[in-house]
Structure formats: C-alpha cells, structure tokens
Amino acid sequence: MNRLSRILLSAWLCACAAAAIAQPASLSQVKIVFVEVKGDPRYEPVRAFERLVLKTPDHPYAGAQVGIDDAKALQRTIGAEFVLERVTAVSADAVAPAVVEASGRGVKFFLVDAPPESYPALAAAVKGRDVLLFNVSAPEDSLRRDLCAAEFIHVMPSRAQLMDGLVQMLVSKKWRDYLVLQGQTPEDEAVTQAFLRSVKKFGGRIAAHQKFEAGTDPRQREKNNPALLSAINRDWDATFVADRQFEFARQVSYQTVRPRPVVGAIDLEPVAWHWTWEHNGAPQVNTRFARYAQARKMESPDWAAWMSVKMIVQSALRTRSLDFNQQRKFILGSGSFDADKGIAVSVRAWDHQVRQAILLATPFSVVGSAPFEGFLHRVNELDSLGDDEADTPCHLNR
C-alpha cells in the first residue's frame, strides 16, 4: 500500500505540474474606450434630393476592433490583454462627462470619434489628467492650432496635411493654376481656406474663386451651373471643389467649359487611407477590416482608429512596460510606428499631430502618395505636409 500510495502521489504531482504548465499566466488588462456620439450628423447618409443614397459613412469602431484583434498575437509577450469598450454619448456635450467617468475607473486610453464642437469642453475636462485621447475622425485645423491640448493625439490627418498632399501632387505635375468652386457650408469655407493656404505654400495660382449654390433652380443658374461658373477668361489646370453636401460636386466632372481634372470633394481626393491601397501590407489590413465591418470598405477614420490601437499596443511592447507614464513618453517622444503606408508615423512634439503620408485616391485607385519627390524638409520629409513648428501657434513642446 505504501508503494502504491507513492505511485499515486507521484502521478498526482505530475498531473498538477502539467496542469500548471498548461494554465496560462494571468494577464493584466488594458482597457481602451472608444467614445462616439449618438446621432452624429457626420455619419448621416449623403443623399441626392432624398432619393439616391450617394454615401453611407459609418463610425470607425470596426477599425479599433481590428487593432484589438491584431494585439492578441502579442498579449502573451506583453503580459497584457487589450480590451475595447464602446461608449455612446447622447450628445456632443455628453462626451466630456463620459470620458471623465471612464477616467475615474482607471482608463488611460481613449479613441474619440466626436464632432469638433465637443472638443473644447473635453479638453477642459481632461486637462492635467493622466490620459491620452486619440482623435480618430476630426480633421479641423483649429483643434491643432487653437485648442492645442496636451492630452490629445491627432491621428486623423489635419485639413492642412490633406490639402498639402493634394497640392503637392498637382504642383509635381506642373498643374499650377486652379479654378476654385466653393459651397455654402462652414466646412466648405474651412476646406477652401486650407486649400488656398496650400496653394500659396507651394507656389500655385488661383485662376478664379467662385461660390456656388446647389440645386436646379433655373433662376440661380449662374450659381449652380458648372459650365457658367467655369466660363472665366483665364485658363486653369485643375478644378478644386469644396462641397460637404456633395450634391453639386457630383455634377462638375465633364460639365466645365474646359476639359480639366476635378479634385477635392470628388474624383481625386486626399485621404489617410483608401481601400485600393495595395502596398506595405495594406491588402491584409483591408481584408481583416472587411470581416468586422460586414464588407464595408476601410476609410480614413477606420485607419485612424486601427492605428491608434496599434500605437498603444506597440508602446507597451517596445517599452516592455504597462506603466502609463512610460507609454505616454514613448508615444509622444521617440516612438515611430508602421502605418502600412510606406513611411513610419510619429507624433509631432509641437501640436501632437501624427505625421504621416497622404494618399491621393480616385474612386477605384490610389494614384499617388505624398510627400512627393522634390518637396524637401530640413528634418523630416513628412513635415512638408501640414503645420510645421514655425507655422502654428501651438507649441506643446515649449
């Protein structure tokens, strides 16, 4: 019986040891909160006279999901499980309280998918807190220049970056003269001003600047007819259209008095990401995204959400730490990250904008990637796109 007991005890100990080896070590949990706004007008379907649905934008939550899924392969190495929580604020004013509540629960990382009017209150609410808020959908230059909050990282390209990328491509082709057609919305005004700033920056010229009114009222034909709006005395190389509502923009191609390419709101657009980008691992990213988004094509905010999660995960991996201060220091300092766009991205010290390549895309093809050859910068070629340190009132690094 003593010998049998020893055998049974030995077998039991071996079984326990095997179970201990098989049992995964407990992982720390890193929570990332995705904050969106219910009824966000930026995601309303774009319609033509309420009949045709021209665009169906959607929240970029699926992009964040892809980033979390990608992190699973690294969680054992990092010693952490990355968890995504989705919070839907009832209004733009409710974004700040939602972030403060989650911060009180110990959350350090937020992906913010909110309209620009929510940012001033949000910046005030999180000022001085140990948090990082990744802007994944708002391109407004004012958030970088005027709001200038240290707790934000702007992963979505700024309008200045987007327009600089567009004008770089045009100038690189020696297309230097532009007809500008501008809509009536405040966003159209902001986009146009960003374009005009880029034109001046890179030595382009404005042949004419016309404001249009969408519609088919024959009494307003001088303001809604592309042929009449383009009947100017000077020649031009490209027609730039700023049209948030999209109704006028879709009618410009092939309707101007001279056969010129259309850029801006339609035909050739500057974007952070496009579903036809075929280099640097992009097809694999697009394929993984399609699984989460029910075959919806990956767009710029989706890429920004995915990239934000990747930056958080990579900061933990490369610092070998889950300490927030170390991760923040890496992300805002020496960290550079593969964005699957050919050039590694990093965060500008002065305004916390992520420096990145800008893709120039037609509806079914990417035809170029900025920065283009010949547009040099003394430090980083990506800083030829958007606000350089001397060009902005925001100096978070001082």
Protein backbone atom coordinates (compact mmCIF):
# COMPACT_ATOMS: atom_id res chain seq x y z
CA MET A 1 0.00 0.00 0.00
CA ASN A 2 2.90 2.35 0.77
CA ARG A 3 4.41 1.70 -2.67
CA LEU A 4 1.02 2.14 -4.36
CA SER A 5 0.46 5.36 -2.43
CA ARG A 6 3.82 6.70 -3.56
CA ILE A 7 2.99 5.84 -7.17
CA LEU A 8 -0.42 7.53 -6.96
CA LEU A 9 1.07 10.56 -5.22
CA SER A 10 3.76 10.83 -7.88
CA ALA A 11 1.19 10.60 -10.64
CA TRP A 12 -0.94 13.27 -8.99
CA LEU A 13 2.01 15.63 -8.62
CA CYS A 14 2.94 15.15 -12.29
CA ALA A 15 -0.63 15.87 -13.28
CA CYS A 16 -0.66 19.03 -11.18
CA ALA A 17 2.64 20.16 -12.69
CA ALA A 18 1.34 19.57 -16.20
CA ALA A 19 -1.82 21.49 -15.41
CA ALA A 20 0.22 24.36 -14.04
CA ILE A 21 2.29 24.46 -17.24
CA ALA A 22 -0.82 24.37 -19.41
CA GLN A 23 -2.61 27.02 -17.37
CA PRO A 24 -1.86 30.46 -18.86
CA ALA A 25 -0.40 33.02 -16.51
CA SER A 26 -2.83 35.75 -15.58
CA LEU A 27 -2.66 38.79 -17.84
CA SER A 28 -3.04 42.41 -16.88
CA GLN A 29 -5.94 44.12 -18.58
CA VAL A 30 -5.51 47.34 -20.52
CA LYS A 31 -8.84 48.93 -21.35
CA ILE A 32 -9.26 51.25 -24.34
CA VAL A 33 -12.51 53.22 -24.51
CA PHE A 34 -13.99 54.17 -27.89
CA VAL A 35 -16.22 57.23 -27.46
CA GLU A 36 -18.78 58.18 -30.10
CA VAL A 37 -21.86 60.43 -30.24
CA LYS A 38 -25.38 59.19 -30.87
CA GLY A 39 -26.86 60.82 -33.95
CA ASP A 40 -23.52 62.34 -35.01
CA PRO A 41 -24.51 64.30 -38.15
CA ARG A 42 -21.22 63.44 -39.84
CA TYR A 43 -22.49 59.88 -40.28
CA GLU A 44 -25.85 60.64 -41.79
CA PRO A 45 -26.31 59.15 -45.29
CA VAL A 46 -25.46 61.61 -48.07
CA ARG A 47 -28.47 61.77 -50.37
CA ALA A 48 -29.32 63.36 -53.69
CA PHE A 49 -32.70 65.09 -53.42
CA GLU A 50 -33.66 62.50 -50.77
CA ARG A 51 -33.83 59.77 -53.40
CA LEU A 52 -30.37 58.45 -54.15
CA VAL A 53 -28.06 57.45 -51.32
CA LEU A 54 -24.64 58.62 -52.50
CA LYS A 55 -22.56 57.81 -49.42
CA THR A 56 -23.15 55.83 -46.24
CA PRO A 57 -20.40 56.83 -43.78
CA ASP A 58 -20.15 54.86 -40.55
CA HIS A 59 -18.41 55.11 -37.20
CA PRO A 60 -14.84 53.73 -37.27
CA TYR A 61 -15.37 51.31 -34.39
CA ALA A 62 -14.56 48.38 -36.70
CA GLY A 63 -11.08 49.82 -37.22
CA ALA A 64 -10.48 49.72 -33.47
CA GLN A 65 -11.73 46.13 -33.38
CA VAL A 66 -9.14 45.13 -35.97
CA GLY A 67 -6.44 46.72 -33.83
CA ILE A 68 -7.58 44.78 -30.77
CA ASP A 69 -7.65 41.56 -32.77
CA ASP A 70 -4.12 42.22 -34.05
CA ALA A 71 -2.96 42.70 -30.45
CA LYS A 72 -3.96 39.17 -29.45
CA ALA A 73 -0.83 37.76 -31.07
CA LEU A 74 1.31 39.92 -28.77
CA GLN A 75 -0.57 39.76 -25.49
CA ARG A 76 1.48 36.86 -24.10
CA THR A 77 4.72 38.72 -24.91
CA ILE A 78 3.45 41.96 -23.43
CA GLY A 79 1.73 40.30 -20.49
CA ALA A 80 -1.48 42.17 -21.08
CA GLU A 81 -4.89 41.70 -22.62
CA PHE A 82 -6.17 44.72 -24.52
CA VAL A 83 -9.91 45.23 -24.14
CA LEU A 84 -12.12 47.59 -26.13
CA GLU A 85 -15.13 49.29 -24.55
CA ARG A 86 -17.62 51.24 -26.67
CA VAL A 87 -19.29 54.27 -25.09
CA THR A 88 -22.00 56.18 -26.93
CA ALA A 89 -22.60 59.69 -25.60
CA VAL A 90 -26.11 61.02 -26.04
CA SER A 91 -24.83 64.33 -27.43
CA ALA A 92 -21.64 66.24 -28.17
CA ASP A 93 -21.95 67.91 -24.75
CA ALA A 94 -22.01 64.48 -23.07
CA VAL A 95 -18.61 63.41 -24.44
CA ALA A 96 -16.59 65.14 -21.70
CA PRO A 97 -18.60 63.62 -18.78
CA ALA A 98 -18.34 60.18 -20.39
CA VAL A 99 -14.56 60.44 -20.65
CA VAL A 100 -14.22 61.77 -17.10
CA GLU A 101 -16.34 58.90 -15.77
CA ALA A 102 -14.21 56.30 -17.54
CA SER A 103 -11.03 58.04 -16.40
CA GLY A 104 -12.30 57.75 -12.85
CA ARG A 105 -12.49 54.00 -13.39
CA GLY A 106 -8.79 53.96 -14.26
CA VAL A 107 -9.00 54.10 -18.06
CA LYS A 108 -6.00 55.87 -19.59
CA PHE A 109 -6.53 55.49 -23.33
CA PHE A 110 -9.46 56.84 -25.34
CA LEU A 111 -10.34 56.81 -29.02
CA VAL A 112 -12.50 59.88 -29.65
CA ASP A 113 -14.93 59.81 -32.57
CA ALA A 114 -16.78 63.05 -31.96
CA PRO A 115 -17.63 66.25 -33.84
CA PRO A 116 -15.33 69.24 -33.30
CA GLU A 117 -17.79 71.15 -31.12
CA SER A 118 -17.31 68.55 -28.36
CA TYR A 119 -13.57 69.19 -28.06
CA PRO A 120 -13.33 72.47 -26.07
CA ALA A 121 -15.29 71.07 -23.12
CA LEU A 122 -13.46 67.78 -23.42
CA ALA A 123 -10.05 69.48 -23.39
CA ALA A 124 -11.00 71.43 -20.27
CA ALA A 125 -12.33 68.31 -18.53
CA VAL A 126 -9.19 66.20 -19.04
CA LYS A 127 -6.57 68.92 -18.61
CA GLY A 128 -3.82 67.65 -16.31
CA ARG A 129 -5.21 64.10 -16.11
CA ASP A 130 -3.10 61.05 -16.89
CA VAL A 131 -4.93 60.19 -20.10
CA LEU A 132 -4.27 60.13 -23.83
CA LEU A 133 -7.15 60.87 -26.19
CA PHE A 134 -6.69 59.80 -29.80
CA ASN A 135 -8.68 61.90 -32.27
CA VAL A 136 -9.75 59.45 -34.98
CA SER A 137 -12.20 61.43 -37.09
CA ALA A 138 -11.95 65.24 -36.78
CA PRO A 139 -9.65 66.93 -39.34
CA GLU A 140 -10.28 70.53 -38.22
CA ASP A 141 -7.09 72.59 -38.12
CA SER A 142 -8.44 74.63 -35.21
CA LEU A 143 -8.19 71.61 -32.91
CA ARG A 144 -4.45 71.54 -33.55
CA ARG A 145 -3.72 75.27 -33.73
CA ASP A 146 -6.10 76.92 -31.29
CA LEU A 147 -7.29 74.26 -28.86
CA CYS A 148 -3.75 72.89 -28.55
CA ALA A 149 -4.37 70.35 -25.76
CA ALA A 150 -1.53 68.19 -24.48
CA GLU A 151 -3.83 65.24 -23.74
CA PHE A 152 -4.83 64.83 -27.42
CA ILE A 153 -3.08 62.93 -30.19
CA HIS A 154 -4.50 63.71 -33.62
CA VAL A 155 -4.24 60.51 -35.64
CA MET A 156 -6.72 61.71 -38.23
CA PRO A 157 -4.82 63.95 -40.67
CA SER A 158 -5.47 67.65 -40.39
CA ARG A 159 -7.02 69.55 -43.27
CA ALA A 160 -3.65 71.26 -43.71
CA GLN A 161 -1.97 67.87 -44.22
CA LEU A 162 -4.65 66.70 -46.64
CA MET A 163 -4.59 69.86 -48.76
CA ASP A 164 -0.78 69.99 -48.74
CA GLY A 165 -0.73 66.43 -50.06
CA LEU A 166 -3.21 67.32 -52.80
CA VAL A 167 -1.39 70.47 -53.90
CA GLN A 168 1.98 68.71 -53.82
CA MET A 169 0.66 66.21 -56.34
CA LEU A 170 -0.78 68.92 -58.59
CA VAL A 171 2.39 71.01 -58.50
CA SER A 172 4.56 67.93 -59.09
CA LYS A 173 2.67 67.52 -62.39
CA LYS A 174 3.17 71.21 -63.14
CA TRP A 175 -0.58 71.84 -62.77
CA ARG A 176 -0.27 75.19 -61.00
CA ASP A 177 -3.43 77.12 -61.89
CA TYR A 178 -6.75 76.30 -60.24
CA LEU A 179 -10.42 77.16 -60.53
CA VAL A 180 -11.93 77.04 -57.04
CA LEU A 181 -15.64 76.21 -56.62
CA GLN A 182 -16.82 76.63 -53.03
CA GLY A 183 -20.08 75.62 -51.38
CA GLN A 184 -22.06 77.47 -48.73
CA THR A 185 -21.39 75.47 -45.55
CA PRO A 186 -18.86 76.43 -42.84
CA GLU A 187 -16.99 73.21 -43.63
CA ASP A 188 -16.74 74.24 -47.29
CA GLU A 189 -15.24 77.53 -46.16
CA ALA A 190 -12.70 75.77 -43.92
CA VAL A 191 -11.68 73.28 -46.62
CA THR A 192 -11.31 76.08 -49.17
CA GLN A 193 -9.15 78.16 -46.85
CA ALA A 194 -6.91 75.14 -46.22
CA PHE A 195 -6.58 74.64 -49.98
CA LEU A 196 -5.77 78.31 -50.60
CA ARG A 197 -3.14 78.19 -47.89
CA SER A 198 -1.53 75.14 -49.51
CA VAL A 199 -1.62 76.76 -52.95
CA LYS A 200 0.27 79.75 -51.58
CA LYS A 201 2.70 77.50 -49.72
CA PHE A 202 3.70 75.54 -52.82
CA GLY A 203 3.61 78.29 -55.41
CA GLY A 204 0.29 77.63 -57.12
CA ARG A 205 -2.10 80.24 -58.52
CA ILE A 206 -5.86 80.80 -58.31
CA ALA A 207 -7.42 81.48 -61.71
CA ALA A 208 -10.84 82.20 -60.19
CA HIS A 209 -12.69 81.63 -56.93
CA GLN A 210 -16.41 81.03 -57.39
CA LYS A 211 -19.09 80.29 -54.81
CA PHE A 212 -21.94 78.01 -55.86
CA GLU A 213 -25.38 77.12 -54.55
CA ALA A 214 -26.53 73.55 -55.03
CA GLY A 215 -29.87 73.00 -56.75
CA THR A 216 -31.57 73.12 -60.11
CA ASP A 217 -33.44 76.42 -59.85
CA PRO A 218 -33.04 77.99 -63.33
CA ARG A 219 -33.19 81.43 -61.73
CA GLN A 220 -29.94 80.57 -59.92
CA ARG A 221 -28.18 79.04 -62.93
CA GLU A 222 -25.24 81.43 -62.68
CA LYS A 223 -24.57 79.96 -59.23
CA ASN A 224 -25.48 76.28 -59.75
CA ASN A 225 -24.35 75.59 -63.32
CA PRO A 226 -20.77 74.26 -63.60
CA ALA A 227 -20.47 75.44 -67.20
CA LEU A 228 -21.41 79.03 -66.32
CA LEU A 229 -19.26 79.03 -63.18
CA SER A 230 -16.26 77.87 -65.21
CA ALA A 231 -16.74 80.36 -68.05
CA ILE A 232 -13.81 82.56 -66.98
CA ASN A 233 -11.28 84.50 -69.00
CA ARG A 234 -8.21 82.69 -67.65
CA ASP A 235 -7.23 79.10 -68.33
CA TRP A 236 -6.59 76.70 -65.46
CA ASP A 237 -5.12 73.24 -64.88
CA ALA A 238 -7.48 71.67 -62.31
CA THR A 239 -10.88 72.40 -60.79
CA PHE A 240 -10.98 72.27 -57.00
CA VAL A 241 -14.41 71.68 -55.42
CA ALA A 242 -15.32 72.11 -51.75
CA ASP A 243 -18.77 70.60 -51.20
CA ARG A 244 -19.70 68.95 -47.91
CA GLN A 245 -23.23 68.24 -49.16
CA PHE A 246 -21.81 66.59 -52.31
CA GLU A 247 -24.85 67.38 -54.46
CA PHE A 248 -23.06 69.96 -56.63
CA ALA A 249 -19.69 68.18 -56.65
CA ARG A 250 -21.06 65.08 -58.32
CA GLN A 251 -22.19 67.19 -61.30
CA VAL A 252 -18.93 69.03 -62.01
CA SER A 253 -16.95 66.38 -63.92
CA TYR A 254 -17.39 66.74 -67.69
CA GLN A 255 -19.53 69.85 -67.20
CA THR A 256 -16.90 72.60 -67.16
CA VAL A 257 -16.20 74.64 -70.29
CA ARG A 258 -12.66 73.32 -70.49
CA PRO A 259 -11.65 69.64 -70.09
CA ARG A 260 -9.83 69.83 -66.77
CA PRO A 261 -9.46 67.27 -63.94
CA VAL A 262 -11.64 67.74 -60.85
CA VAL A 263 -10.10 67.42 -57.39
CA GLY A 264 -11.09 67.92 -53.76
CA ALA A 265 -14.58 66.70 -52.93
CA ILE A 266 -14.74 64.22 -55.81
CA ASP A 267 -12.67 62.34 -58.43
CA LEU A 268 -9.25 62.94 -56.82
CA GLU A 269 -9.31 63.19 -53.02
CA PRO A 270 -6.54 63.41 -50.41
CA VAL A 271 -7.15 60.74 -47.75
CA ALA A 272 -5.44 58.99 -44.87
CA TRP A 273 -6.46 55.59 -46.21
CA HIS A 274 -8.14 54.02 -49.22
CA TRP A 275 -9.44 50.50 -49.79
CA THR A 276 -7.47 50.17 -53.05
CA TRP A 277 -4.04 50.87 -51.47
CA GLU A 278 -2.05 47.78 -52.41
CA HIS A 279 1.36 48.31 -50.81
CA ASN A 280 3.08 47.90 -47.45
CA GLY A 281 0.74 45.23 -46.12
CA ALA A 282 -2.42 47.25 -46.85
CA PRO A 283 -4.34 44.41 -48.57
CA GLN A 284 -4.08 42.31 -45.41
CA VAL A 285 -5.33 45.20 -43.27
CA ASN A 286 -8.26 45.78 -45.63
CA THR A 287 -9.13 42.09 -45.59
CA ARG A 288 -9.13 41.91 -41.80
CA PHE A 289 -11.24 45.06 -41.64
CA ALA A 290 -13.86 43.64 -44.02
CA ARG A 291 -14.50 40.76 -41.59
CA TYR A 292 -15.51 43.17 -38.82
CA ALA A 293 -17.31 45.74 -40.98
CA GLN A 294 -19.56 43.36 -42.93
CA ALA A 295 -17.71 44.04 -46.20
CA ARG A 296 -17.72 47.84 -45.75
CA LYS A 297 -14.59 49.36 -47.27
CA MET A 298 -11.96 50.77 -44.92
CA GLU A 299 -11.82 54.56 -44.88
CA SER A 300 -9.64 57.21 -43.24
CA PRO A 301 -11.30 57.26 -39.78
CA ASP A 302 -11.21 53.45 -39.72
CA TRP A 303 -7.48 53.57 -40.38
CA ALA A 304 -7.04 56.21 -37.67
CA ALA A 305 -8.86 54.06 -35.10
CA TRP A 306 -6.81 50.99 -36.07
CA MET A 307 -3.59 53.00 -35.94
CA SER A 308 -4.43 54.43 -32.52
CA VAL A 309 -4.82 50.97 -31.01
CA LYS A 310 -1.61 49.89 -32.70
CA MET A 311 0.29 52.81 -31.16
CA ILE A 312 -0.99 51.90 -27.69
CA VAL A 313 -0.08 48.23 -28.09
CA GLN A 314 3.33 48.95 -29.61
CA SER A 315 4.20 51.40 -26.85
CA ALA A 316 3.68 48.64 -24.28
CA LEU A 317 5.66 46.14 -26.35
CA ARG A 318 8.63 48.38 -27.04
CA THR A 319 8.92 49.92 -23.58
CA ARG A 320 8.38 46.47 -22.02
CA SER A 321 6.09 48.20 -19.58
CA LEU A 322 2.42 48.84 -18.84
CA ASP A 323 3.29 51.96 -16.90
CA PHE A 324 1.22 54.76 -18.42
CA ASN A 325 3.90 57.41 -17.99
CA GLN A 326 6.46 55.31 -19.86
CA GLN A 327 3.98 54.54 -22.65
CA ARG A 328 2.98 58.19 -22.99
CA LYS A 329 6.60 59.29 -23.07
CA PHE A 330 7.36 56.79 -25.84
CA ILE A 331 4.31 57.68 -27.95
CA LEU A 332 4.89 61.42 -27.69
CA GLY A 333 8.67 61.16 -27.91
CA SER A 334 10.90 58.76 -29.78
CA GLY A 335 8.21 56.30 -30.84
CA SER A 336 7.69 55.58 -34.53
CA PHE A 337 5.08 53.17 -35.85
CA ASP A 338 4.50 51.20 -39.03
CA ALA A 339 1.28 52.57 -40.55
CA ASP A 340 1.24 50.32 -43.64
CA LYS A 341 1.63 53.45 -45.78
CA GLY A 342 5.33 53.12 -46.59
CA ILE A 343 6.75 55.70 -44.16
CA ALA A 344 6.73 55.25 -40.38
CA VAL A 345 4.47 57.65 -38.49
CA SER A 346 5.28 59.57 -35.33
CA VAL A 347 3.79 62.36 -33.21
CA ARG A 348 4.80 65.97 -33.73
CA ALA A 349 6.02 67.45 -30.47
CA TRP A 350 4.53 70.91 -31.06
CA ASP A 351 0.86 70.06 -31.74
CA HIS A 352 0.57 66.26 -31.25
CA GLN A 353 -0.47 65.73 -34.86
CA VAL A 354 0.60 62.35 -36.23
CA ARG A 355 2.92 63.00 -39.16
CA GLN A 356 2.02 60.60 -41.96
CA ALA A 357 1.83 60.01 -45.69
CA ILE A 358 -1.28 61.25 -47.51
CA LEU A 359 -2.81 59.08 -50.23
CA LEU A 360 -4.25 60.66 -53.39
CA ALA A 361 -7.15 58.50 -54.45
CA THR A 362 -9.66 58.28 -57.26
CA PRO A 363 -12.79 56.21 -56.56
CA PHE A 364 -11.07 52.98 -57.61
CA SER A 365 -7.33 53.60 -57.39
CA VAL A 366 -4.62 55.34 -55.38
CA VAL A 367 -2.63 57.35 -57.92
CA GLY A 368 -0.01 58.84 -55.61
CA SER A 369 1.32 59.22 -52.10
CA ALA A 370 2.56 62.47 -50.57
CA PRO A 371 5.12 63.73 -49.76
CA PHE A 372 6.21 63.81 -53.39
CA GLU A 373 9.75 63.95 -54.66
CA GLY A 374 11.17 67.44 -54.67
CA PHE A 375 9.30 68.68 -51.59
CA LEU A 376 12.07 68.65 -49.03
CA HIS A 377 12.22 69.35 -45.31
CA ARG A 378 15.26 70.02 -43.19
CA VAL A 379 14.33 67.43 -40.54
CA ASN A 380 11.56 65.05 -41.61
CA GLU A 381 10.06 64.86 -45.11
CA LEU A 382 6.61 64.20 -43.59
CA ASP A 383 6.75 67.66 -42.05
CA SER A 384 6.35 69.15 -45.53
CA LEU A 385 2.68 68.17 -45.01
CA GLY A 386 0.64 70.26 -42.60
CA ASP A 387 1.75 72.72 -39.95
CA ASP A 388 5.48 72.83 -39.35
CA GLU A 389 6.66 74.04 -35.98
CA ALA A 390 7.11 77.63 -37.19
CA ASP A 391 3.67 77.69 -38.86
CA THR A 392 1.40 77.16 -35.86
CA PRO A 393 0.54 78.98 -32.64
CA CYS A 394 0.52 75.63 -30.82
CA HIS A 395 3.81 74.81 -29.11
CA LEU A 396 3.22 72.00 -26.63
CA ASN A 397 6.95 71.29 -26.60
CA ARG A 398 7.86 74.62 -25.01
